[in-house]
Amino acid sequence: MSKRYSVYVETHCRFCKKAVALLEESKLPFIVVVTDKNEEFLNEIKQQTGHKTVPIILEHDDNNVRLIGGSDNLEQYLTELKNGSN
């Protein structure tokens, strides 16, 4: 099973930059979706995920999409992944 990640960000957001840096350091495959000029799209993602702030980080595998959350959630997730808990 191959996990991939998507990160919905706004370019001025320091938490978004932190999340991208964490994923880069972890060498996990991810894409960044910049939502700066599309508030309607961002609101739709927020509604679908139930996550109210950016970044919004999603984990994708072959059959599922799972909300990780924001940058603090990602940091905890990566720690657990490194320790074999996830």
PDB file of N, CA and C in Angstrom:
ATOM      1  N   MET A   1       0.842  -1.173   0.000  1.00  0.00           N
ATOM      2  CA  MET A   1       0.000   0.000   0.000  1.00  0.00           C
ATOM      3  C   MET A   1       0.892   1.243   0.000  1.00  0.00           C
ATOM      4  N   SER A   2       0.643   2.117  -0.932  1.00  0.00           N
ATOM      5  CA  SER A   2       1.456   3.308  -1.099  1.00  0.00           C
ATOM      6  C   SER A   2       0.700   4.535  -0.585  1.00  0.00           C
ATOM      7  N   LYS A   3       1.259   5.203   0.414  1.00  0.00           N
ATOM      8  CA  LYS A   3       0.626   6.402   0.959  1.00  0.00           C
ATOM      9  C   LYS A   3       1.175   7.634   0.271  1.00  0.00           C
ATOM     10  N   ARG A   4       0.271   8.564   0.009  1.00  0.00           N
ATOM     11  CA  ARG A   4       0.608   9.854  -0.578  1.00  0.00           C
ATOM     12  C   ARG A   4      -0.116  10.914   0.244  1.00  0.00           C
ATOM     13  N   TYR A   5       0.311  12.140   0.121  1.00  0.00           N
ATOM     14  CA  TYR A   5      -0.238  13.206   0.950  1.00  0.00           C
ATOM     15  C   TYR A   5      -0.549  14.427   0.100  1.00  0.00           C
ATOM     16  N   SER A   6      -1.593  15.137   0.494  1.00  0.00           N
ATOM     17  CA  SER A   6      -1.886  16.426  -0.131  1.00  0.00           C
ATOM     18  C   SER A   6      -1.995  17.454   0.984  1.00  0.00           C
ATOM     19  N   VAL A   7      -1.491  18.655   0.690  1.00  0.00           N
ATOM     20  CA  VAL A   7      -1.463  19.734   1.667  1.00  0.00           C
ATOM     21  C   VAL A   7      -2.110  20.958   1.029  1.00  0.00           C
ATOM     22  N   TYR A   8      -3.217  21.394   1.599  1.00  0.00           N
ATOM     23  CA  TYR A   8      -3.904  22.594   1.132  1.00  0.00           C
ATOM     24  C   TYR A   8      -3.375  23.761   1.946  1.00  0.00           C
ATOM     25  N   VAL A   9      -2.814  24.768   1.253  1.00  0.00           N
ATOM     26  CA  VAL A   9      -2.092  25.848   1.927  1.00  0.00           C
ATOM     27  C   VAL A   9      -2.509  27.214   1.389  1.00  0.00           C
ATOM     28  N   GLU A  10      -2.144  28.222   2.163  1.00  0.00           N
ATOM     29  CA  GLU A  10      -2.129  29.614   1.721  1.00  0.00           C
ATOM     30  C   GLU A  10      -0.677  30.059   1.836  1.00  0.00           C
ATOM     31  N   THR A  11      -0.191  30.803   0.859  1.00  0.00           N
ATOM     32  CA  THR A  11       1.248  31.097   0.790  1.00  0.00           C
ATOM     33  C   THR A  11       1.758  31.934   1.953  1.00  0.00           C
ATOM     34  N   HIS A  12       0.921  32.744   2.577  1.00  0.00           N
ATOM     35  CA  HIS A  12       1.370  33.601   3.678  1.00  0.00           C
ATOM     36  C   HIS A  12       1.356  32.898   5.038  1.00  0.00           C
ATOM     37  N   CYS A  13       0.933  31.658   5.096  1.00  0.00           N
ATOM     38  CA  CYS A  13       0.702  30.938   6.348  1.00  0.00           C
ATOM     39  C   CYS A  13       1.975  30.238   6.828  1.00  0.00           C
ATOM     40  N   ARG A  14       2.454  30.621   8.027  1.00  0.00           N
ATOM     41  CA  ARG A  14       3.679  30.014   8.562  1.00  0.00           C
ATOM     42  C   ARG A  14       3.467  28.550   8.939  1.00  0.00           C
ATOM     43  N   PHE A  15       2.248  28.181   9.330  1.00  0.00           N
ATOM     44  CA  PHE A  15       1.958  26.788   9.666  1.00  0.00           C
ATOM     45  C   PHE A  15       1.962  25.920   8.412  1.00  0.00           C
ATOM     46  N   CYS A  16       1.538  26.509   7.309  1.00  0.00           N
ATOM     47  CA  CYS A  16       1.569  25.801   6.021  1.00  0.00           C
ATOM     48  C   CYS A  16       3.012  25.532   5.608  1.00  0.00           C
ATOM     49  N   LYS A  17       3.861  26.545   5.774  1.00  0.00           N
ATOM     50  CA  LYS A  17       5.281  26.385   5.442  1.00  0.00           C
ATOM     51  C   LYS A  17       5.918  25.309   6.318  1.00  0.00           C
ATOM     52  N   LYS A  18       5.532  25.287   7.596  1.00  0.00           N
ATOM     53  CA  LYS A  18       6.047  24.269   8.518  1.00  0.00           C
ATOM     54  C   LYS A  18       5.634  22.877   8.060  1.00  0.00           C
ATOM     55  N   ALA A  19       4.369  22.715   7.660  1.00  0.00           N
ATOM     56  CA  ALA A  19       3.871  21.408   7.221  1.00  0.00           C
ATOM     57  C   ALA A  19       4.623  20.926   5.985  1.00  0.00           C
ATOM     58  N   VAL A  20       4.828  21.811   5.025  1.00  0.00           N
ATOM     59  CA  VAL A  20       5.552  21.440   3.805  1.00  0.00           C
ATOM     60  C   VAL A  20       6.984  21.040   4.153  1.00  0.00           C
ATOM     61  N   ALA A  21       7.621  21.806   5.038  1.00  0.00           N
ATOM     62  CA  ALA A  21       9.001  21.479   5.449  1.00  0.00           C
ATOM     63  C   ALA A  21       9.059  20.111   6.130  1.00  0.00           C
ATOM     64  N   LEU A  22       8.083  19.814   6.986  1.00  0.00           N
ATOM     65  CA  LEU A  22       8.051  18.516   7.661  1.00  0.00           C
ATOM     66  C   LEU A  22       7.932  17.377   6.649  1.00  0.00           C
ATOM     67  N   LEU A  23       7.072  17.550   5.652  1.00  0.00           N
ATOM     68  CA  LEU A  23       6.910  16.502   4.640  1.00  0.00           C
ATOM     69  C   LEU A  23       8.166  16.361   3.782  1.00  0.00           C
ATOM     70  N   GLU A  24       8.798  17.492   3.457  1.00  0.00           N
ATOM     71  CA  GLU A  24      10.046  17.430   2.691  1.00  0.00           C
ATOM     72  C   GLU A  24      11.115  16.673   3.478  1.00  0.00           C
ATOM     73  N   GLU A  25      11.254  16.992   4.762  1.00  0.00           N
ATOM     74  CA  GLU A  25      12.245  16.327   5.614  1.00  0.00           C
ATOM     75  C   GLU A  25      11.977  14.837   5.738  1.00  0.00           C
ATOM     76  N   SER A  26      10.708  14.460   5.745  1.00  0.00           N
ATOM     77  CA  SER A  26      10.354  13.050   5.907  1.00  0.00           C
ATOM     78  C   SER A  26      10.487  12.260   4.611  1.00  0.00           C
ATOM     79  N   LYS A  27      10.652  12.988   3.501  1.00  0.00           N
ATOM     80  CA  LYS A  27      10.805  12.374   2.173  1.00  0.00           C
ATOM     81  C   LYS A  27       9.589  11.541   1.758  1.00  0.00           C
ATOM     82  N   LEU A  28       8.408  11.954   2.242  1.00  0.00           N
ATOM     83  CA  LEU A  28       7.166  11.300   1.831  1.00  0.00           C
ATOM     84  C   LEU A  28       6.631  11.983   0.577  1.00  0.00           C
ATOM     85  N   PRO A  29       5.954  11.235  -0.295  1.00  0.00           N
ATOM     86  CA  PRO A  29       5.416  11.838  -1.516  1.00  0.00           C
ATOM     87  C   PRO A  29       4.201  12.720  -1.197  1.00  0.00           C
ATOM     88  N   PHE A  30       4.233  13.963  -1.679  1.00  0.00           N
ATOM     89  CA  PHE A  30       3.116  14.863  -1.418  1.00  0.00           C
ATOM     90  C   PHE A  30       2.970  15.892  -2.525  1.00  0.00           C
ATOM     91  N   ILE A  31       1.780  16.470  -2.576  1.00  0.00           N
ATOM     92  CA  ILE A  31       1.529  17.600  -3.462  1.00  0.00           C
ATOM     93  C   ILE A  31       1.033  18.756  -2.606  1.00  0.00           C
ATOM     94  N   VAL A  32       1.279  19.963  -3.071  1.00  0.00           N
ATOM     95  CA  VAL A  32       0.812  21.167  -2.404  1.00  0.00           C
ATOM     96  C   VAL A  32      -0.241  21.804  -3.293  1.00  0.00           C
ATOM     97  N   VAL A  33      -1.385  22.132  -2.690  1.00  0.00           N
ATOM     98  CA  VAL A  33      -2.455  22.819  -3.396  1.00  0.00           C
ATOM     99  C   VAL A  33      -2.579  24.205  -2.771  1.00  0.00           C
ATOM    100  N   VAL A  34      -2.215  25.241  -3.542  1.00  0.00           N
ATOM    101  CA  VAL A  34      -2.280  26.615  -3.050  1.00  0.00           C
ATOM    102  C   VAL A  34      -3.703  27.132  -3.264  1.00  0.00           C
ATOM    103  N   THR A  35      -4.307  27.630  -2.192  1.00  0.00           N
ATOM    104  CA  THR A  35      -5.708  28.035  -2.233  1.00  0.00           C
ATOM    105  C   THR A  35      -5.887  29.553  -2.147  1.00  0.00           C
ATOM    106  N   ASP A  36      -4.816  30.316  -2.284  1.00  0.00           N
ATOM    107  CA  ASP A  36      -4.849  31.769  -2.087  1.00  0.00           C
ATOM    108  C   ASP A  36      -5.963  32.476  -2.852  1.00  0.00           C
ATOM    109  N   LYS A  37      -6.146  32.147  -4.078  1.00  0.00           N
ATOM    110  CA  LYS A  37      -7.066  32.910  -4.926  1.00  0.00           C
ATOM    111  C   LYS A  37      -8.380  32.191  -5.154  1.00  0.00           C
ATOM    112  N   ASN A  38      -8.661  31.186  -4.352  1.00  0.00           N
ATOM    113  CA  ASN A  38      -9.891  30.426  -4.556  1.00  0.00           C
ATOM    114  C   ASN A  38     -10.539  30.113  -3.210  1.00  0.00           C
ATOM    115  N   GLU A  39     -11.134  31.132  -2.610  1.00  0.00           N
ATOM    116  CA  GLU A  39     -11.752  30.981  -1.291  1.00  0.00           C
ATOM    117  C   GLU A  39     -12.910  29.983  -1.321  1.00  0.00           C
ATOM    118  N   GLU A  40     -13.640  29.963  -2.423  1.00  0.00           N
ATOM    119  CA  GLU A  40     -14.762  29.018  -2.546  1.00  0.00           C
ATOM    120  C   GLU A  40     -14.261  27.573  -2.485  1.00  0.00           C
ATOM    121  N   PHE A  41     -13.186  27.284  -3.197  1.00  0.00           N
ATOM    122  CA  PHE A  41     -12.598  25.944  -3.184  1.00  0.00           C
ATOM    123  C   PHE A  41     -12.108  25.593  -1.781  1.00  0.00           C
ATOM    124  N   LEU A  42     -11.410  26.535  -1.128  1.00  0.00           N
ATOM    125  CA  LEU A  42     -10.909  26.295   0.220  1.00  0.00           C
ATOM    126  C   LEU A  42     -12.061  26.028   1.183  1.00  0.00           C
ATOM    127  N   ASN A  43     -13.119  26.803   1.084  1.00  0.00           N
ATOM    128  CA  ASN A  43     -14.281  26.584   1.952  1.00  0.00           C
ATOM    129  C   ASN A  43     -14.901  25.215   1.721  1.00  0.00           C
ATOM    130  N   GLU A  44     -14.897  24.756   0.482  1.00  0.00           N
ATOM    131  CA  GLU A  44     -15.419  23.424   0.158  1.00  0.00           C
ATOM    132  C   GLU A  44     -14.563  22.340   0.809  1.00  0.00           C
ATOM    133  N   ILE A  45     -13.236  22.480   0.740  1.00  0.00           N
ATOM    134  CA  ILE A  45     -12.330  21.519   1.369  1.00  0.00           C
ATOM    135  C   ILE A  45     -12.530  21.530   2.887  1.00  0.00           C
ATOM    136  N   LYS A  46     -12.663  22.716   3.468  1.00  0.00           N
ATOM    137  CA  LYS A  46     -12.899  22.817   4.912  1.00  0.00           C
ATOM    138  C   LYS A  46     -14.195  22.106   5.295  1.00  0.00           C
ATOM    139  N   GLN A  47     -15.228  22.298   4.499  1.00  0.00           N
ATOM    140  CA  GLN A  47     -16.516  21.667   4.789  1.00  0.00           C
ATOM    141  C   GLN A  47     -16.413  20.147   4.653  1.00  0.00           C
ATOM    142  N   GLN A  48     -15.744  19.667   3.616  1.00  0.00           N
ATOM    143  CA  GLN A  48     -15.621  18.221   3.393  1.00  0.00           C
ATOM    144  C   GLN A  48     -14.811  17.537   4.489  1.00  0.00           C
ATOM    145  N   THR A  49     -13.773  18.211   4.976  1.00  0.00           N
ATOM    146  CA  THR A  49     -12.886  17.585   5.950  1.00  0.00           C
ATOM    147  C   THR A  49     -13.275  17.877   7.396  1.00  0.00           C
ATOM    148  N   GLY A  50     -14.004  18.965   7.606  1.00  0.00           N
ATOM    149  CA  GLY A  50     -14.314  19.389   8.960  1.00  0.00           C
ATOM    150  C   GLY A  50     -13.166  20.121   9.636  1.00  0.00           C
ATOM    151  N   HIS A  51     -12.096  20.381   8.893  1.00  0.00           N
ATOM    152  CA  HIS A  51     -10.928  21.098   9.431  1.00  0.00           C
ATOM    153  C   HIS A  51     -11.078  22.567   9.063  1.00  0.00           C
ATOM    154  N   LYS A  52     -10.997  23.456  10.029  1.00  0.00           N
ATOM    155  CA  LYS A  52     -11.359  24.861   9.838  1.00  0.00           C
ATOM    156  C   LYS A  52     -10.222  25.792   9.441  1.00  0.00           C
ATOM    157  N   THR A  53      -8.975  25.334   9.544  1.00  0.00           N
ATOM    158  CA  THR A  53      -7.840  26.213   9.252  1.00  0.00           C
ATOM    159  C   THR A  53      -6.884  25.536   8.278  1.00  0.00           C
ATOM    160  N   VAL A  54      -6.003  26.339   7.680  1.00  0.00           N
ATOM    161  CA  VAL A  54      -4.943  25.786   6.841  1.00  0.00           C
ATOM    162  C   VAL A  54      -3.686  25.676   7.688  1.00  0.00           C
ATOM    163  N   PRO A  55      -2.829  24.737   7.390  1.00  0.00           N
ATOM    164  CA  PRO A  55      -2.941  23.777   6.301  1.00  0.00           C
ATOM    165  C   PRO A  55      -3.958  22.681   6.620  1.00  0.00           C
ATOM    166  N   ILE A  56      -4.425  22.074   5.562  1.00  0.00           N
ATOM    167  CA  ILE A  56      -5.258  20.882   5.674  1.00  0.00           C
ATOM    168  C   ILE A  56      -4.462  19.761   5.020  1.00  0.00           C
ATOM    169  N   ILE A  57      -4.096  18.764   5.802  1.00  0.00           N
ATOM    170  CA  ILE A  57      -3.233  17.694   5.311  1.00  0.00           C
ATOM    171  C   ILE A  57      -4.032  16.400   5.256  1.00  0.00           C
ATOM    172  N   LEU A  58      -4.005  15.787   4.090  1.00  0.00           N
ATOM    173  CA  LEU A  58      -4.724  14.534   3.868  1.00  0.00           C
ATOM    174  C   LEU A  58      -3.742  13.434   3.499  1.00  0.00           C
ATOM    175  N   GLU A  59      -4.027  12.238   3.986  1.00  0.00           N
ATOM    176  CA  GLU A  59      -3.268  11.038   3.628  1.00  0.00           C
ATOM    177  C   GLU A  59      -4.119  10.226   2.656  1.00  0.00           C
ATOM    178  N   HIS A  60      -3.521   9.821   1.552  1.00  0.00           N
ATOM    179  CA  HIS A  60      -4.212   9.014   0.550  1.00  0.00           C
ATOM    180  C   HIS A  60      -3.512   7.661   0.456  1.00  0.00           C
ATOM    181  N   ASP A  61      -4.285   6.595   0.465  1.00  0.00           N
ATOM    182  CA  ASP A  61      -3.713   5.300   0.109  1.00  0.00           C
ATOM    183  C   ASP A  61      -4.553   4.760  -1.038  1.00  0.00           C
ATOM    184  N   ASP A  62      -4.412   3.498  -1.349  1.00  0.00           N
ATOM    185  CA  ASP A  62      -5.080   2.962  -2.529  1.00  0.00           C
ATOM    186  C   ASP A  62      -6.601   3.059  -2.469  1.00  0.00           C
ATOM    187  N   ASN A  63      -7.176   3.019  -1.272  1.00  0.00           N
ATOM    188  CA  ASN A  63      -8.635   2.969  -1.164  1.00  0.00           C
ATOM    189  C   ASN A  63      -9.261   4.079  -0.333  1.00  0.00           C
ATOM    190  N   ASN A  64      -8.486   4.830   0.415  1.00  0.00           N
ATOM    191  CA  ASN A  64      -9.043   5.768   1.382  1.00  0.00           C
ATOM    192  C   ASN A  64      -8.338   7.111   1.373  1.00  0.00           C
ATOM    193  N   VAL A  65      -9.058   8.105   1.894  1.00  0.00           N
ATOM    194  CA  VAL A  65      -8.482   9.409   2.184  1.00  0.00           C
ATOM    195  C   VAL A  65      -8.746   9.665   3.659  1.00  0.00           C
ATOM    196  N   ARG A  66      -7.689  10.058   4.377  1.00  0.00           N
ATOM    197  CA  ARG A  66      -7.797  10.284   5.819  1.00  0.00           C
ATOM    198  C   ARG A  66      -7.277  11.673   6.153  1.00  0.00           C
ATOM    199  N   LEU A  67      -8.034  12.396   6.972  1.00  0.00           N
ATOM    200  CA  LEU A  67      -7.592  13.701   7.434  1.00  0.00           C
ATOM    201  C   LEU A  67      -6.521  13.524   8.505  1.00  0.00           C
ATOM    202  N   ILE A  68      -5.368  14.130   8.287  1.00  0.00           N
ATOM    203  CA  ILE A  68      -4.349  14.189   9.331  1.00  0.00           C
ATOM    204  C   ILE A  68      -4.602  15.423  10.184  1.00  0.00           C
ATOM    205  N   GLY A  69      -4.894  16.548   9.541  1.00  0.00           N
ATOM    206  CA  GLY A  69      -5.195  17.784  10.262  1.00  0.00           C
ATOM    207  C   GLY A  69      -4.262  18.896   9.841  1.00  0.00           C
ATOM    208  N   GLY A  70      -3.771  19.659  10.821  1.00  0.00           N
ATOM    209  CA  GLY A  70      -2.869  20.772  10.566  1.00  0.00           C
ATOM    210  C   GLY A  70      -1.419  20.401  10.807  1.00  0.00           C
ATOM    211  N   SER A  71      -0.566  21.418  10.922  1.00  0.00           N
ATOM    212  CA  SER A  71       0.876  21.154  11.038  1.00  0.00           C
ATOM    213  C   SER A  71       1.234  20.457  12.349  1.00  0.00           C
ATOM    214  N   ASP A  72       0.589  20.817  13.451  1.00  0.00           N
ATOM    215  CA  ASP A  72       0.871  20.130  14.718  1.00  0.00           C
ATOM    216  C   ASP A  72       0.431  18.673  14.661  1.00  0.00           C
ATOM    217  N   ASN A  73      -0.720  18.436  14.027  1.00  0.00           N
ATOM    218  CA  ASN A  73      -1.192  17.061  13.855  1.00  0.00           C
ATOM    219  C   ASN A  73      -0.225  16.269  12.990  1.00  0.00           C
ATOM    220  N   LEU A  74       0.303  16.918  11.946  1.00  0.00           N
ATOM    221  CA  LEU A  74       1.260  16.257  11.058  1.00  0.00           C
ATOM    222  C   LEU A  74       2.532  15.907  11.814  1.00  0.00           C
ATOM    223  N   GLU A  75       2.997  16.819  12.640  1.00  0.00           N
ATOM    224  CA  GLU A  75       4.213  16.562  13.413  1.00  0.00           C
ATOM    225  C   GLU A  75       4.021  15.333  14.308  1.00  0.00           C
ATOM    226  N   GLN A  76       2.890  15.239  14.970  1.00  0.00           N
ATOM    227  CA  GLN A  76       2.584  14.084  15.813  1.00  0.00           C
ATOM    228  C   GLN A  76       2.466  12.818  14.964  1.00  0.00           C
ATOM    229  N   TYR A  77       1.791  12.916  13.833  1.00  0.00           N
ATOM    230  CA  TYR A  77       1.623  11.776  12.921  1.00  0.00           C
ATOM    231  C   TYR A  77       2.982  11.243  12.466  1.00  0.00           C
ATOM    232  N   LEU A  78       3.878  12.146  12.076  1.00  0.00           N
ATOM    233  CA  LEU A  78       5.192  11.729  11.589  1.00  0.00           C
ATOM    234  C   LEU A  78       6.022  11.087  12.693  1.00  0.00           C
ATOM    235  N   THR A  79       5.891  11.588  13.914  1.00  0.00           N
ATOM    236  CA  THR A  79       6.575  10.976  15.054  1.00  0.00           C
ATOM    237  C   THR A  79       6.076   9.559  15.266  1.00  0.00           C
ATOM    238  N   GLU A  80       4.759   9.391  15.221  1.00  0.00           N
ATOM    239  CA  GLU A  80       4.173   8.056  15.388  1.00  0.00           C
ATOM    240  C   GLU A  80       4.586   7.127  14.244  1.00  0.00           C
ATOM    241  N   LEU A  81       4.611   7.660  13.027  1.00  0.00           N
ATOM    242  CA  LEU A  81       5.016   6.876  11.858  1.00  0.00           C
ATOM    243  C   LEU A  81       6.465   6.409  12.019  1.00  0.00           C
ATOM    244  N   LYS A  82       7.312   7.307  12.471  1.00  0.00           N
ATOM    245  CA  LYS A  82       8.732   6.987  12.677  1.00  0.00           C
ATOM    246  C   LYS A  82       8.896   5.914  13.750  1.00  0.00           C
ATOM    247  N   ASN A  83       8.055   5.971  14.770  1.00  0.00           N
ATOM    248  CA  ASN A  83       8.139   5.012  15.879  1.00  0.00           C
ATOM    249  C   ASN A  83       7.353   3.736  15.616  1.00  0.00           C
ATOM    250  N   GLY A  84       6.734   3.633  14.435  1.00  0.00           N
ATOM    251  CA  GLY A  84       6.008   2.429  14.088  1.00  0.00           C
ATOM    252  C   GLY A  84       4.622   2.334  14.666  1.00  0.00           C
ATOM    253  N   SER A  85       4.077   3.441  15.155  1.00  0.00           N
ATOM    254  CA  SER A  85       2.752   3.429  15.775  1.00  0.00           C
ATOM    255  C   SER A  85       1.626   3.641  14.779  1.00  0.00           C
ATOM    256  N   ASN A  86       1.945   3.999  13.556  1.00  0.00           N
ATOM    257  CA  ASN A  86       0.900   4.361  12.618  1.00  0.00           C
ATOM    258  C   ASN A  86       0.860   3.415  11.454  1.00  0.00           C
TER     259      ASN A  86
END
